Amino acid sequence: MQRKPHTLSVLEAADASPTLGRLAALARESGERLKAVESLIPAALRQRVKPGPIDGTDWCLLVEGNAAAAKLRQVVPALLAHLRSRGWEVTVIRLKVQTVQAR
């Protein structure tokens, strides 16, 4: 009699592995941080900003285009202050410009 292998969802597999579990937790936290500061980001830019990696007290935001990144740089101090007031230890927000490919 052949036994059917147990299948895991991606989230179950991530939770079962300490390394993948840590990465999944960081990804969730990055999304939560972005949600927390979303109201401080100008409405026209919100669609162009995605959560990026967390490295200690540094957090990276992925931004579509140089113009959007330049505008977002102006509100970074407010984002930092808001995150700290909510209990996150963030000392630096880095912006990584993503190039938009023409279709």
N, C-alpha and C. Protein backbone atom coordinates (compact mmCIF):
# COMPACT_ATOMS: atom_id res chain seq x y z
N MET A 1 0.84 -1.18 0.00
CA MET A 1 0.00 0.00 0.00
C MET A 1 0.89 1.25 0.00
N GLN A 2 0.63 2.11 -0.96
CA GLN A 2 1.43 3.31 -1.08
C GLN A 2 0.77 4.45 -0.32
N ARG A 3 1.61 5.14 0.43
CA ARG A 3 1.09 6.25 1.22
C ARG A 3 1.17 7.55 0.43
N LYS A 4 0.12 8.31 0.49
CA LYS A 4 0.07 9.59 -0.21
C LYS A 4 0.94 10.60 0.56
N PRO A 5 1.86 11.28 -0.13
CA PRO A 5 2.70 12.24 0.57
C PRO A 5 1.86 13.42 1.08
N HIS A 6 2.23 13.89 2.25
CA HIS A 6 1.54 15.03 2.86
C HIS A 6 2.00 16.30 2.15
N THR A 7 1.06 17.06 1.64
CA THR A 7 1.42 18.32 0.97
C THR A 7 1.24 19.48 1.94
N LEU A 8 2.13 20.44 1.80
CA LEU A 8 2.10 21.63 2.65
C LEU A 8 1.85 22.85 1.80
N SER A 9 1.15 23.81 2.37
CA SER A 9 1.03 25.09 1.70
C SER A 9 2.37 25.82 1.87
N VAL A 10 2.56 26.87 1.11
CA VAL A 10 3.80 27.64 1.23
C VAL A 10 3.94 28.20 2.64
N LEU A 11 2.84 28.69 3.21
CA LEU A 11 2.90 29.23 4.57
C LEU A 11 3.23 28.17 5.60
N GLU A 12 2.67 26.97 5.44
CA GLU A 12 2.98 25.87 6.36
C GLU A 12 4.45 25.49 6.25
N ALA A 13 4.96 25.43 5.03
CA ALA A 13 6.37 25.09 4.83
C ALA A 13 7.26 26.16 5.43
N ALA A 14 6.90 27.41 5.25
CA ALA A 14 7.69 28.51 5.81
C ALA A 14 7.70 28.44 7.33
N ASP A 15 6.56 28.15 7.92
CA ASP A 15 6.48 28.06 9.38
C ASP A 15 7.25 26.86 9.91
N ALA A 16 7.36 25.80 9.11
CA ALA A 16 8.06 24.59 9.54
C ALA A 16 9.57 24.75 9.49
N SER A 17 10.07 25.67 8.70
CA SER A 17 11.51 25.90 8.57
C SER A 17 11.88 27.19 9.30
N PRO A 18 12.85 27.13 10.21
CA PRO A 18 13.22 28.35 10.94
C PRO A 18 13.66 29.49 10.00
N THR A 19 14.44 29.16 8.98
CA THR A 19 14.92 30.19 8.07
C THR A 19 13.78 30.77 7.25
N LEU A 20 12.98 29.90 6.65
CA LEU A 20 11.85 30.39 5.85
C LEU A 20 10.82 31.08 6.73
N GLY A 21 10.64 30.58 7.94
CA GLY A 21 9.71 31.20 8.87
C GLY A 21 10.12 32.62 9.21
N ARG A 22 11.43 32.83 9.40
CA ARG A 22 11.94 34.17 9.72
C ARG A 22 11.73 35.11 8.53
N LEU A 23 12.01 34.61 7.32
CA LEU A 23 11.81 35.43 6.12
C LEU A 23 10.34 35.79 5.93
N ALA A 24 9.47 34.82 6.17
CA ALA A 24 8.02 35.07 6.04
C ALA A 24 7.57 36.11 7.06
N ALA A 25 8.09 36.02 8.28
CA ALA A 25 7.73 36.98 9.33
C ALA A 25 8.21 38.38 8.96
N LEU A 26 9.42 38.48 8.41
CA LEU A 26 9.94 39.79 8.00
C LEU A 26 9.11 40.37 6.85
N ALA A 27 8.70 39.53 5.93
CA ALA A 27 7.87 39.99 4.82
C ALA A 27 6.51 40.51 5.33
N ARG A 28 5.93 39.78 6.28
CA ARG A 28 4.65 40.23 6.87
C ARG A 28 4.84 41.56 7.59
N GLU A 29 5.93 41.66 8.37
CA GLU A 29 6.18 42.90 9.12
C GLU A 29 6.40 44.08 8.17
N SER A 30 7.10 43.86 7.07
CA SER A 30 7.34 44.93 6.11
C SER A 30 6.01 45.44 5.55
N GLY A 31 5.11 44.52 5.24
CA GLY A 31 3.78 44.91 4.75
C GLY A 31 3.00 45.67 5.81
N GLU A 32 3.13 45.25 7.07
CA GLU A 32 2.43 45.94 8.16
C GLU A 32 2.97 47.35 8.35
N ARG A 33 4.29 47.50 8.21
CA ARG A 33 4.89 48.84 8.32
C ARG A 33 4.35 49.76 7.23
N LEU A 34 4.28 49.23 6.01
CA LEU A 34 3.78 50.06 4.91
C LEU A 34 2.33 50.46 5.16
N LYS A 35 1.53 49.53 5.65
CA LYS A 35 0.13 49.87 5.96
C LYS A 35 0.06 50.96 7.03
N ALA A 36 0.97 50.89 8.01
CA ALA A 36 0.97 51.85 9.11
C ALA A 36 1.28 53.27 8.64
N VAL A 37 2.10 53.41 7.59
CA VAL A 37 2.50 54.75 7.13
C VAL A 37 1.80 55.17 5.84
N GLU A 38 0.94 54.32 5.33
CA GLU A 38 0.28 54.58 4.05
C GLU A 38 -0.40 55.95 3.99
N SER A 39 -1.03 56.34 5.07
CA SER A 39 -1.76 57.62 5.06
C SER A 39 -0.81 58.83 4.98
N LEU A 40 0.47 58.63 5.29
CA LEU A 40 1.45 59.72 5.22
C LEU A 40 2.06 59.85 3.83
N ILE A 41 1.87 58.86 3.00
CA ILE A 41 2.40 58.88 1.64
C ILE A 41 1.38 59.57 0.75
N PRO A 42 1.81 60.54 -0.06
CA PRO A 42 0.86 61.21 -0.95
C PRO A 42 0.07 60.19 -1.78
N ALA A 43 -1.22 60.43 -1.90
CA ALA A 43 -2.12 59.49 -2.57
C ALA A 43 -1.64 59.10 -3.96
N ALA A 44 -1.09 60.04 -4.69
CA ALA A 44 -0.64 59.76 -6.06
C ALA A 44 0.55 58.79 -6.08
N LEU A 45 1.25 58.65 -4.96
CA LEU A 45 2.44 57.78 -4.91
C LEU A 45 2.16 56.40 -4.34
N ARG A 46 1.07 56.23 -3.64
CA ARG A 46 0.82 54.99 -2.91
C ARG A 46 0.91 53.74 -3.78
N GLN A 47 0.41 53.81 -4.99
CA GLN A 47 0.44 52.65 -5.89
C GLN A 47 1.85 52.33 -6.36
N ARG A 48 2.76 53.29 -6.23
CA ARG A 48 4.14 53.13 -6.71
C ARG A 48 5.10 52.66 -5.63
N VAL A 49 4.61 52.45 -4.41
CA VAL A 49 5.46 52.06 -3.29
C VAL A 49 5.09 50.66 -2.82
N LYS A 50 6.09 49.82 -2.67
CA LYS A 50 5.90 48.44 -2.21
C LYS A 50 6.83 48.19 -1.02
N PRO A 51 6.42 47.31 -0.12
CA PRO A 51 7.30 47.00 1.01
C PRO A 51 8.53 46.22 0.54
N GLY A 52 9.65 46.54 1.13
CA GLY A 52 10.90 45.87 0.79
C GLY A 52 11.49 45.17 2.00
N PRO A 53 12.75 44.75 1.90
CA PRO A 53 13.37 43.99 2.98
C PRO A 53 13.63 44.81 4.24
N ILE A 54 13.66 44.09 5.35
CA ILE A 54 14.02 44.66 6.65
C ILE A 54 15.38 44.07 7.01
N ASP A 55 16.31 44.94 7.39
CA ASP A 55 17.64 44.50 7.80
C ASP A 55 17.99 45.18 9.11
N GLY A 56 17.69 44.52 10.20
CA GLY A 56 17.91 45.13 11.52
C GLY A 56 16.98 46.31 11.71
N THR A 57 17.59 47.50 11.88
CA THR A 57 16.77 48.71 12.07
C THR A 57 16.59 49.48 10.76
N ASP A 58 17.10 48.92 9.66
CA ASP A 58 16.91 49.52 8.34
C ASP A 58 15.71 48.89 7.65
N TRP A 59 14.96 49.70 6.95
CA TRP A 59 13.83 49.20 6.18
C TRP A 59 13.92 49.79 4.78
N CYS A 60 13.63 49.00 3.81
CA CYS A 60 13.72 49.43 2.42
C CYS A 60 12.32 49.48 1.81
N LEU A 61 12.06 50.54 1.07
CA LEU A 61 10.83 50.65 0.30
C LEU A 61 11.20 50.59 -1.17
N LEU A 62 10.44 49.84 -1.94
CA LEU A 62 10.66 49.71 -3.37
C LEU A 62 9.74 50.71 -4.06
N VAL A 63 10.32 51.60 -4.85
CA VAL A 63 9.57 52.70 -5.44
C VAL A 63 9.71 52.67 -6.96
N GLU A 64 8.59 52.80 -7.65
CA GLU A 64 8.60 52.82 -9.12
C GLU A 64 8.97 54.22 -9.61
N GLY A 65 10.15 54.35 -10.16
CA GLY A 65 10.56 55.59 -10.82
C GLY A 65 11.29 56.57 -9.92
N ASN A 66 12.20 57.32 -10.55
CA ASN A 66 13.01 58.31 -9.84
C ASN A 66 12.18 59.48 -9.31
N ALA A 67 11.20 59.92 -10.07
CA ALA A 67 10.38 61.06 -9.65
C ALA A 67 9.60 60.71 -8.38
N ALA A 68 9.03 59.51 -8.34
CA ALA A 68 8.28 59.08 -7.15
C ALA A 68 9.21 58.96 -5.95
N ALA A 69 10.42 58.45 -6.18
CA ALA A 69 11.39 58.32 -5.08
C ALA A 69 11.79 59.70 -4.54
N ALA A 70 11.98 60.66 -5.44
CA ALA A 70 12.35 62.02 -5.02
C ALA A 70 11.25 62.63 -4.15
N LYS A 71 10.00 62.44 -4.55
CA LYS A 71 8.88 62.96 -3.74
C LYS A 71 8.79 62.25 -2.41
N LEU A 72 8.99 60.93 -2.43
CA LEU A 72 8.87 60.14 -1.20
C LEU A 72 9.97 60.50 -0.20
N ARG A 73 11.16 60.84 -0.70
CA ARG A 73 12.27 61.23 0.20
C ARG A 73 11.86 62.39 1.11
N GLN A 74 10.97 63.24 0.63
CA GLN A 74 10.54 64.39 1.41
C GLN A 74 9.73 64.00 2.64
N VAL A 75 9.07 62.84 2.60
CA VAL A 75 8.24 62.43 3.73
C VAL A 75 8.90 61.35 4.60
N VAL A 76 10.11 60.93 4.24
CA VAL A 76 10.79 59.88 5.01
C VAL A 76 10.91 60.25 6.50
N PRO A 77 11.29 61.49 6.87
CA PRO A 77 11.35 61.81 8.31
C PRO A 77 10.01 61.58 9.03
N ALA A 78 8.91 61.92 8.39
CA ALA A 78 7.59 61.71 8.99
C ALA A 78 7.28 60.21 9.11
N LEU A 79 7.68 59.43 8.10
CA LEU A 79 7.47 57.98 8.14
C LEU A 79 8.25 57.38 9.31
N LEU A 80 9.50 57.78 9.45
CA LEU A 80 10.33 57.27 10.56
C LEU A 80 9.69 57.60 11.91
N ALA A 81 9.29 58.84 12.09
CA ALA A 81 8.69 59.26 13.37
C ALA A 81 7.42 58.47 13.66
N HIS A 82 6.60 58.26 12.64
CA HIS A 82 5.35 57.52 12.84
C HIS A 82 5.62 56.06 13.21
N LEU A 83 6.56 55.44 12.52
CA LEU A 83 6.89 54.04 12.83
C LEU A 83 7.42 53.91 14.25
N ARG A 84 8.29 54.83 14.66
CA ARG A 84 8.83 54.79 16.03
C ARG A 84 7.72 54.98 17.06
N SER A 85 6.77 55.85 16.75
CA SER A 85 5.67 56.08 17.70
C SER A 85 4.78 54.85 17.84
N ARG A 86 4.82 53.97 16.83
CA ARG A 86 4.03 52.74 16.86
C ARG A 86 4.83 51.56 17.41
N GLY A 87 6.08 51.81 17.85
CA GLY A 87 6.86 50.77 18.50
C GLY A 87 7.89 50.06 17.64
N TRP A 88 8.00 50.41 16.37
CA TRP A 88 9.01 49.78 15.52
C TRP A 88 10.34 50.52 15.67
N GLU A 89 11.41 49.76 15.79
CA GLU A 89 12.75 50.35 15.88
C GLU A 89 13.31 50.49 14.47
N VAL A 90 13.01 51.61 13.85
CA VAL A 90 13.49 51.88 12.49
C VAL A 90 14.34 53.14 12.56
N THR A 91 15.61 53.03 12.14
CA THR A 91 16.49 54.19 12.15
C THR A 91 16.73 54.74 10.76
N VAL A 92 16.57 53.88 9.75
CA VAL A 92 16.82 54.29 8.37
C VAL A 92 15.75 53.70 7.46
N ILE A 93 15.24 54.52 6.55
CA ILE A 93 14.38 54.01 5.48
C ILE A 93 15.14 54.27 4.18
N ARG A 94 15.48 53.20 3.51
CA ARG A 94 16.15 53.29 2.22
C ARG A 94 15.11 53.17 1.11
N LEU A 95 15.32 53.88 0.04
CA LEU A 95 14.43 53.80 -1.11
C LEU A 95 15.18 53.15 -2.26
N LYS A 96 14.62 52.11 -2.81
CA LYS A 96 15.22 51.45 -3.96
C LYS A 96 14.31 51.69 -5.15
N VAL A 97 14.86 52.34 -6.16
CA VAL A 97 14.08 52.68 -7.34
C VAL A 97 13.98 51.45 -8.25
N GLN A 98 12.76 51.12 -8.58
CA GLN A 98 12.48 50.02 -9.50
C GLN A 98 12.19 50.62 -10.87
N THR A 99 12.82 50.10 -11.89
CA THR A 99 12.55 50.62 -13.22
C THR A 99 11.30 49.96 -13.77
N VAL A 100 10.48 50.74 -14.39
CA VAL A 100 9.25 50.26 -14.99
C VAL A 100 9.55 49.91 -16.44
N GLN A 101 9.31 48.66 -16.81
CA GLN A 101 9.59 48.23 -18.18
C GLN A 101 8.38 48.50 -19.08
N ALA A 102 8.66 49.07 -20.23
CA ALA A 102 7.59 49.33 -21.22
C ALA A 102 7.09 48.00 -21.77
N ARG A 103 5.81 47.95 -22.04
CA ARG A 103 5.22 46.72 -22.56
C ARG A 103 4.92 46.85 -24.02
